[in-house]
Structure formats: structure tokens, C-alpha cells
Amino acid sequence: MKTIRDLIKEKSELLRDIDKLGPATASEELVQLASLLSSLNAEIVEKQFILNQKKVELLEEAKSVAKARMLAEATPEWKEFMERIMQREALEELLRATKYYLRAAESEQREFTR
């Protein structure tokens, strides 16, 4: 089973040559990217919940919010959460680029049909 990271990488490679895809395929990819973002956001919520539980646990041990935060940022839970955040940023950039391409293609088509 492919991970969200794998899917984002595949979409990124596919969209590198977006001109070759054309507006119709790019529109389909945009829908798939939006769906992927929705799934990723659900994962982020879950990872953040797990991280927050870890922070509570560490706060009880550390007796200081600052120390607990520092300790939390050295855990696998924090790493997994931050990886998802970075994946979301990459995915949002793919969405923006695809939307930009589609707007430019639409504008070009309008000028061509005048």
C-alpha cells in the first residue's frame, strides 16, 4: 500500500510536465490532490493528538512546560507530526501550481477564441 508521501511524490513528478498533460488531465489531478489533502489533514489531526498525549506525559515528568516541549520535540511522535506538516505544505504548493496552470490555460483559451 502506498503512503501519502509516495502519492505526493508521484503527483509531483507527474505535474512537473503539466503542459504535456493538458487542462483536462490537470483538472482531474487537481481533484485527486484535493482528496489527498483531505486524507492528509485527517492524519495530521491523529498525529497531533498522539503528540499532545506525549506532551502531557512529558509534562508530568519534567514539571516545566518549556522542558516538556523541548523533550517532546525529540520524540518520534513529534517527527511524524512534523513530517505530515511538511507533506501538507508540499501538497498545498502542488494544488496552487495546478490551479495557476489551469487559470493560465483558461485565459489563453479565451484569448485564442476571440
N, C-alpha and C. Protein backbone atom coordinates (compact mmCIF):
# COMPACT_ATOMS: atom_id res chain seq x y z
N MET A 1 0.84 -1.19 0.00
CA MET A 1 0.00 0.00 0.00
C MET A 1 0.89 1.25 0.00
N LYS A 2 0.54 2.20 -0.85
CA LYS A 2 1.32 3.42 -0.96
C LYS A 2 0.99 4.36 0.20
N THR A 3 2.01 5.05 0.66
CA THR A 3 1.81 6.04 1.71
C THR A 3 1.42 7.37 1.06
N ILE A 4 0.94 8.27 1.87
CA ILE A 4 0.61 9.60 1.36
C ILE A 4 1.87 10.26 0.80
N ARG A 5 2.99 10.04 1.45
CA ARG A 5 4.26 10.59 0.96
C ARG A 5 4.55 10.09 -0.45
N ASP A 6 4.35 8.78 -0.68
CA ASP A 6 4.57 8.20 -2.01
C ASP A 6 3.63 8.82 -3.04
N LEU A 7 2.38 9.00 -2.66
CA LEU A 7 1.40 9.58 -3.57
C LEU A 7 1.74 11.02 -3.93
N ILE A 8 2.18 11.78 -2.94
CA ILE A 8 2.57 13.18 -3.20
C ILE A 8 3.77 13.22 -4.14
N LYS A 9 4.73 12.34 -3.91
CA LYS A 9 5.91 12.28 -4.78
C LYS A 9 5.51 11.93 -6.21
N GLU A 10 4.62 10.96 -6.37
CA GLU A 10 4.14 10.58 -7.71
C GLU A 10 3.45 11.75 -8.41
N LYS A 11 2.57 12.43 -7.67
CA LYS A 11 1.85 13.57 -8.25
C LYS A 11 2.81 14.69 -8.62
N SER A 12 3.80 14.91 -7.78
CA SER A 12 4.79 15.95 -8.05
C SER A 12 5.56 15.65 -9.33
N GLU A 13 5.96 14.41 -9.49
CA GLU A 13 6.69 14.02 -10.70
C GLU A 13 5.80 14.13 -11.93
N LEU A 14 4.55 13.73 -11.80
CA LEU A 14 3.61 13.80 -12.91
C LEU A 14 3.36 15.25 -13.33
N LEU A 15 3.20 16.12 -12.34
CA LEU A 15 2.84 17.52 -12.62
C LEU A 15 4.03 18.38 -13.02
N ARG A 16 5.24 17.83 -12.97
CA ARG A 16 6.41 18.59 -13.41
C ARG A 16 6.28 19.01 -14.86
N ASP A 17 5.71 18.15 -15.68
CA ASP A 17 5.48 18.44 -17.09
C ASP A 17 3.99 18.63 -17.34
N ILE A 18 3.41 19.56 -16.63
CA ILE A 18 1.96 19.75 -16.66
C ILE A 18 1.46 20.15 -18.05
N ASP A 19 2.30 20.85 -18.83
CA ASP A 19 1.89 21.23 -20.18
C ASP A 19 1.59 20.01 -21.05
N LYS A 20 2.31 18.94 -20.83
CA LYS A 20 2.10 17.71 -21.60
C LYS A 20 0.78 17.03 -21.21
N LEU A 21 0.34 17.28 -19.99
CA LEU A 21 -0.91 16.66 -19.52
C LEU A 21 -2.14 17.31 -20.14
N GLY A 22 -2.10 18.62 -20.23
CA GLY A 22 -3.25 19.35 -20.74
C GLY A 22 -4.23 19.68 -19.64
N PRO A 23 -5.12 20.64 -19.90
CA PRO A 23 -6.06 21.13 -18.87
C PRO A 23 -7.01 20.06 -18.33
N ALA A 24 -7.49 19.16 -19.18
CA ALA A 24 -8.47 18.16 -18.72
C ALA A 24 -7.83 17.22 -17.69
N THR A 25 -6.65 16.72 -18.01
CA THR A 25 -5.96 15.83 -17.07
C THR A 25 -5.53 16.59 -15.83
N ALA A 26 -5.07 17.83 -16.02
CA ALA A 26 -4.66 18.64 -14.87
C ALA A 26 -5.84 18.87 -13.93
N SER A 27 -7.03 19.05 -14.48
CA SER A 27 -8.23 19.23 -13.64
C SER A 27 -8.52 17.96 -12.84
N GLU A 28 -8.36 16.81 -13.47
CA GLU A 28 -8.56 15.55 -12.75
C GLU A 28 -7.52 15.40 -11.64
N GLU A 29 -6.29 15.77 -11.94
CA GLU A 29 -5.24 15.70 -10.93
C GLU A 29 -5.53 16.64 -9.77
N LEU A 30 -6.09 17.79 -10.08
CA LEU A 30 -6.44 18.76 -9.03
C LEU A 30 -7.45 18.16 -8.06
N VAL A 31 -8.43 17.47 -8.57
CA VAL A 31 -9.43 16.81 -7.72
C VAL A 31 -8.75 15.75 -6.85
N GLN A 32 -7.86 14.99 -7.44
CA GLN A 32 -7.16 13.95 -6.67
C GLN A 32 -6.26 14.57 -5.60
N LEU A 33 -5.62 15.69 -5.93
CA LEU A 33 -4.78 16.38 -4.95
C LEU A 33 -5.62 16.88 -3.77
N ALA A 34 -6.80 17.42 -4.07
CA ALA A 34 -7.69 17.91 -3.01
C ALA A 34 -8.12 16.76 -2.11
N SER A 35 -8.41 15.62 -2.69
CA SER A 35 -8.80 14.45 -1.91
C SER A 35 -7.63 13.98 -1.05
N LEU A 36 -6.45 14.00 -1.61
CA LEU A 36 -5.25 13.61 -0.88
C LEU A 36 -5.01 14.56 0.30
N LEU A 37 -5.26 15.85 0.08
CA LEU A 37 -5.11 16.83 1.16
C LEU A 37 -6.08 16.54 2.29
N SER A 38 -7.27 16.17 1.96
CA SER A 38 -8.26 15.83 2.97
C SER A 38 -7.79 14.64 3.81
N SER A 39 -7.28 13.63 3.16
CA SER A 39 -6.76 12.45 3.88
C SER A 39 -5.56 12.82 4.74
N LEU A 40 -4.70 13.66 4.20
CA LEU A 40 -3.52 14.07 4.95
C LEU A 40 -3.92 14.89 6.18
N ASN A 41 -4.90 15.76 6.04
CA ASN A 41 -5.36 16.55 7.19
C ASN A 41 -5.91 15.65 8.30
N ALA A 42 -6.60 14.59 7.92
CA ALA A 42 -7.10 13.64 8.92
C ALA A 42 -5.93 12.97 9.64
N GLU A 43 -4.87 12.64 8.90
CA GLU A 43 -3.69 12.04 9.51
C GLU A 43 -3.01 13.03 10.46
N ILE A 44 -2.97 14.29 10.05
CA ILE A 44 -2.33 15.32 10.88
C ILE A 44 -3.06 15.45 12.22
N VAL A 45 -4.38 15.43 12.17
CA VAL A 45 -5.16 15.52 13.41
C VAL A 45 -4.81 14.35 14.33
N GLU A 46 -4.73 13.17 13.77
CA GLU A 46 -4.39 11.98 14.57
C GLU A 46 -2.98 12.08 15.15
N LYS A 47 -2.02 12.50 14.33
CA LYS A 47 -0.63 12.63 14.80
C LYS A 47 -0.51 13.73 15.85
N GLN A 48 -1.27 14.79 15.69
CA GLN A 48 -1.21 15.87 16.69
C GLN A 48 -1.80 15.40 18.01
N PHE A 49 -2.87 14.62 17.96
CA PHE A 49 -3.46 14.06 19.17
C PHE A 49 -2.46 13.18 19.90
N ILE A 50 -1.78 12.33 19.16
CA ILE A 50 -0.77 11.44 19.76
C ILE A 50 0.37 12.26 20.37
N LEU A 51 0.80 13.29 19.64
CA LEU A 51 1.86 14.16 20.15
C LEU A 51 1.42 14.88 21.41
N ASN A 52 0.20 15.37 21.43
CA ASN A 52 -0.29 16.06 22.63
C ASN A 52 -0.35 15.12 23.84
N GLN A 53 -0.72 13.88 23.61
CA GLN A 53 -0.71 12.91 24.71
C GLN A 53 0.71 12.73 25.24
N LYS A 54 1.67 12.68 24.33
CA LYS A 54 3.08 12.54 24.71
C LYS A 54 3.54 13.77 25.50
N LYS A 55 3.09 14.95 25.08
CA LYS A 55 3.47 16.18 25.80
C LYS A 55 2.93 16.17 27.23
N VAL A 56 1.71 15.71 27.39
CA VAL A 56 1.13 15.62 28.74
C VAL A 56 1.96 14.68 29.60
N GLU A 57 2.31 13.56 29.03
CA GLU A 57 3.13 12.58 29.73
C GLU A 57 4.48 13.19 30.13
N LEU A 58 5.09 13.91 29.20
CA LEU A 58 6.39 14.52 29.46
C LEU A 58 6.28 15.67 30.45
N LEU A 59 5.17 16.39 30.43
CA LEU A 59 4.97 17.49 31.37
C LEU A 59 4.91 16.98 32.80
N GLU A 60 4.27 15.84 32.97
CA GLU A 60 4.19 15.24 34.30
C GLU A 60 5.58 14.87 34.82
N GLU A 61 6.45 14.44 33.91
CA GLU A 61 7.82 14.07 34.30
C GLU A 61 8.71 15.30 34.47
N ALA A 62 8.60 16.26 33.55
CA ALA A 62 9.52 17.39 33.50
C ALA A 62 9.17 18.49 34.49
N LYS A 63 7.91 18.62 34.85
CA LYS A 63 7.43 19.65 35.77
C LYS A 63 7.60 21.07 35.23
N SER A 64 7.91 21.19 33.95
CA SER A 64 8.07 22.51 33.32
C SER A 64 7.58 22.40 31.88
N VAL A 65 6.76 23.36 31.48
CA VAL A 65 6.22 23.36 30.12
C VAL A 65 7.35 23.47 29.10
N ALA A 66 8.30 24.36 29.35
CA ALA A 66 9.40 24.56 28.40
C ALA A 66 10.23 23.28 28.24
N LYS A 67 10.51 22.64 29.34
CA LYS A 67 11.31 21.40 29.29
C LYS A 67 10.50 20.28 28.62
N ALA A 68 9.23 20.20 28.91
CA ALA A 68 8.37 19.18 28.30
C ALA A 68 8.29 19.39 26.79
N ARG A 69 8.18 20.66 26.37
CA ARG A 69 8.13 20.97 24.93
C ARG A 69 9.42 20.56 24.26
N MET A 70 10.55 20.88 24.90
CA MET A 70 11.84 20.52 24.35
C MET A 70 11.99 19.00 24.24
N LEU A 71 11.58 18.30 25.28
CA LEU A 71 11.65 16.84 25.26
C LEU A 71 10.72 16.26 24.20
N ALA A 72 9.55 16.86 24.05
CA ALA A 72 8.58 16.38 23.06
C ALA A 72 9.13 16.49 21.65
N GLU A 73 9.91 17.55 21.40
CA GLU A 73 10.45 17.76 20.06
C GLU A 73 11.59 16.80 19.72
N ALA A 74 11.93 15.96 20.66
CA ALA A 74 12.96 14.94 20.43
C ALA A 74 12.36 13.54 20.37
N THR A 75 11.04 13.47 20.19
CA THR A 75 10.37 12.17 20.17
C THR A 75 9.99 11.76 18.74
N PRO A 76 9.81 10.48 18.53
CA PRO A 76 9.31 10.02 17.23
C PRO A 76 7.94 10.59 16.90
N GLU A 77 7.11 10.83 17.90
CA GLU A 77 5.78 11.39 17.69
C GLU A 77 5.87 12.78 17.06
N TRP A 78 6.80 13.59 17.57
CA TRP A 78 6.98 14.93 17.03
C TRP A 78 7.47 14.85 15.59
N LYS A 79 8.43 13.95 15.33
CA LYS A 79 8.98 13.78 13.98
C LYS A 79 7.88 13.39 13.00
N GLU A 80 7.04 12.45 13.37
CA GLU A 80 5.94 12.02 12.50
C GLU A 80 4.96 13.16 12.24
N PHE A 81 4.64 13.91 13.29
CA PHE A 81 3.74 15.05 13.14
C PHE A 81 4.33 16.09 12.18
N MET A 82 5.59 16.43 12.36
CA MET A 82 6.23 17.44 11.52
C MET A 82 6.38 16.96 10.07
N GLU A 83 6.62 15.67 9.88
CA GLU A 83 6.68 15.14 8.52
C GLU A 83 5.35 15.36 7.81
N ARG A 84 4.25 15.14 8.52
CA ARG A 84 2.93 15.34 7.91
C ARG A 84 2.70 16.82 7.59
N ILE A 85 3.16 17.69 8.46
CA ILE A 85 3.02 19.13 8.22
C ILE A 85 3.79 19.52 6.96
N MET A 86 5.00 19.00 6.80
CA MET A 86 5.80 19.30 5.61
C MET A 86 5.15 18.72 4.36
N GLN A 87 4.57 17.54 4.49
CA GLN A 87 3.87 16.94 3.36
C GLN A 87 2.67 17.79 2.96
N ARG A 88 1.96 18.32 3.96
CA ARG A 88 0.82 19.19 3.65
C ARG A 88 1.28 20.44 2.91
N GLU A 89 2.38 21.02 3.33
CA GLU A 89 2.89 22.21 2.66
C GLU A 89 3.25 21.90 1.21
N ALA A 90 3.88 20.75 0.98
CA ALA A 90 4.24 20.37 -0.39
C ALA A 90 2.98 20.14 -1.22
N LEU A 91 2.00 19.50 -0.63
CA LEU A 91 0.75 19.23 -1.33
C LEU A 91 0.00 20.52 -1.65
N GLU A 92 -0.03 21.45 -0.72
CA GLU A 92 -0.68 22.73 -0.96
C GLU A 92 0.00 23.49 -2.09
N GLU A 93 1.33 23.37 -2.17
CA GLU A 93 2.05 24.03 -3.26
C GLU A 93 1.71 23.39 -4.61
N LEU A 94 1.56 22.08 -4.63
CA LEU A 94 1.13 21.39 -5.86
C LEU A 94 -0.26 21.86 -6.28
N LEU A 95 -1.15 22.00 -5.30
CA LEU A 95 -2.50 22.49 -5.59
C LEU A 95 -2.45 23.89 -6.18
N ARG A 96 -1.66 24.77 -5.57
CA ARG A 96 -1.54 26.15 -6.06
C ARG A 96 -1.00 26.17 -7.50
N ALA A 97 0.04 25.39 -7.74
CA ALA A 97 0.66 25.38 -9.06
C ALA A 97 -0.32 24.85 -10.12
N THR A 98 -1.06 23.84 -9.77
CA THR A 98 -2.03 23.27 -10.72
C THR A 98 -3.15 24.27 -11.00
N LYS A 99 -3.63 24.93 -9.96
CA LYS A 99 -4.67 25.94 -10.15
C LYS A 99 -4.15 27.09 -11.03
N TYR A 100 -2.91 27.49 -10.80
CA TYR A 100 -2.31 28.56 -11.60
C TYR A 100 -2.25 28.15 -13.07
N TYR A 101 -1.80 26.92 -13.30
CA TYR A 101 -1.73 26.41 -14.67
C TYR A 101 -3.11 26.42 -15.33
N LEU A 102 -4.11 25.96 -14.59
CA LEU A 102 -5.46 25.90 -15.16
C LEU A 102 -6.02 27.29 -15.46
N ARG A 103 -5.74 28.25 -14.58
CA ARG A 103 -6.18 29.62 -14.84
C ARG A 103 -5.49 30.18 -16.08
N ALA A 104 -4.18 29.93 -16.20
CA ALA A 104 -3.43 30.42 -17.36
C ALA A 104 -3.93 29.76 -18.64
N ALA A 105 -4.21 28.47 -18.57
CA ALA A 105 -4.71 27.76 -19.76
C ALA A 105 -6.08 28.28 -20.16
N GLU A 106 -6.92 28.58 -19.18
CA GLU A 106 -8.25 29.12 -19.48
C GLU A 106 -8.13 30.50 -20.11
N SER A 107 -7.26 31.31 -19.57
CA SER A 107 -7.06 32.65 -20.10
C SER A 107 -6.52 32.58 -21.53
N GLU A 108 -5.60 31.69 -21.76
CA GLU A 108 -5.03 31.51 -23.09
C GLU A 108 -6.11 31.04 -24.07
N GLN A 109 -6.95 30.14 -23.62
CA GLN A 109 -8.03 29.63 -24.47
C GLN A 109 -9.01 30.75 -24.83
N ARG A 110 -9.34 31.60 -23.86
CA ARG A 110 -10.24 32.73 -24.12
C ARG A 110 -9.65 33.69 -25.14
N GLU A 111 -8.37 33.96 -25.02
CA GLU A 111 -7.72 34.86 -25.97
C GLU A 111 -7.68 34.24 -27.36
N PHE A 112 -7.49 32.94 -27.41
CA PHE A 112 -7.42 32.24 -28.69
C PHE A 112 -8.76 32.23 -29.42
N THR A 113 -9.85 32.17 -28.67
CA THR A 113 -11.18 32.08 -29.29
C THR A 113 -11.77 33.44 -29.61
N ARG A 114 -11.09 34.51 -29.31
CA ARG A 114 -11.62 35.84 -29.62
C ARG A 114 -11.51 36.16 -31.06
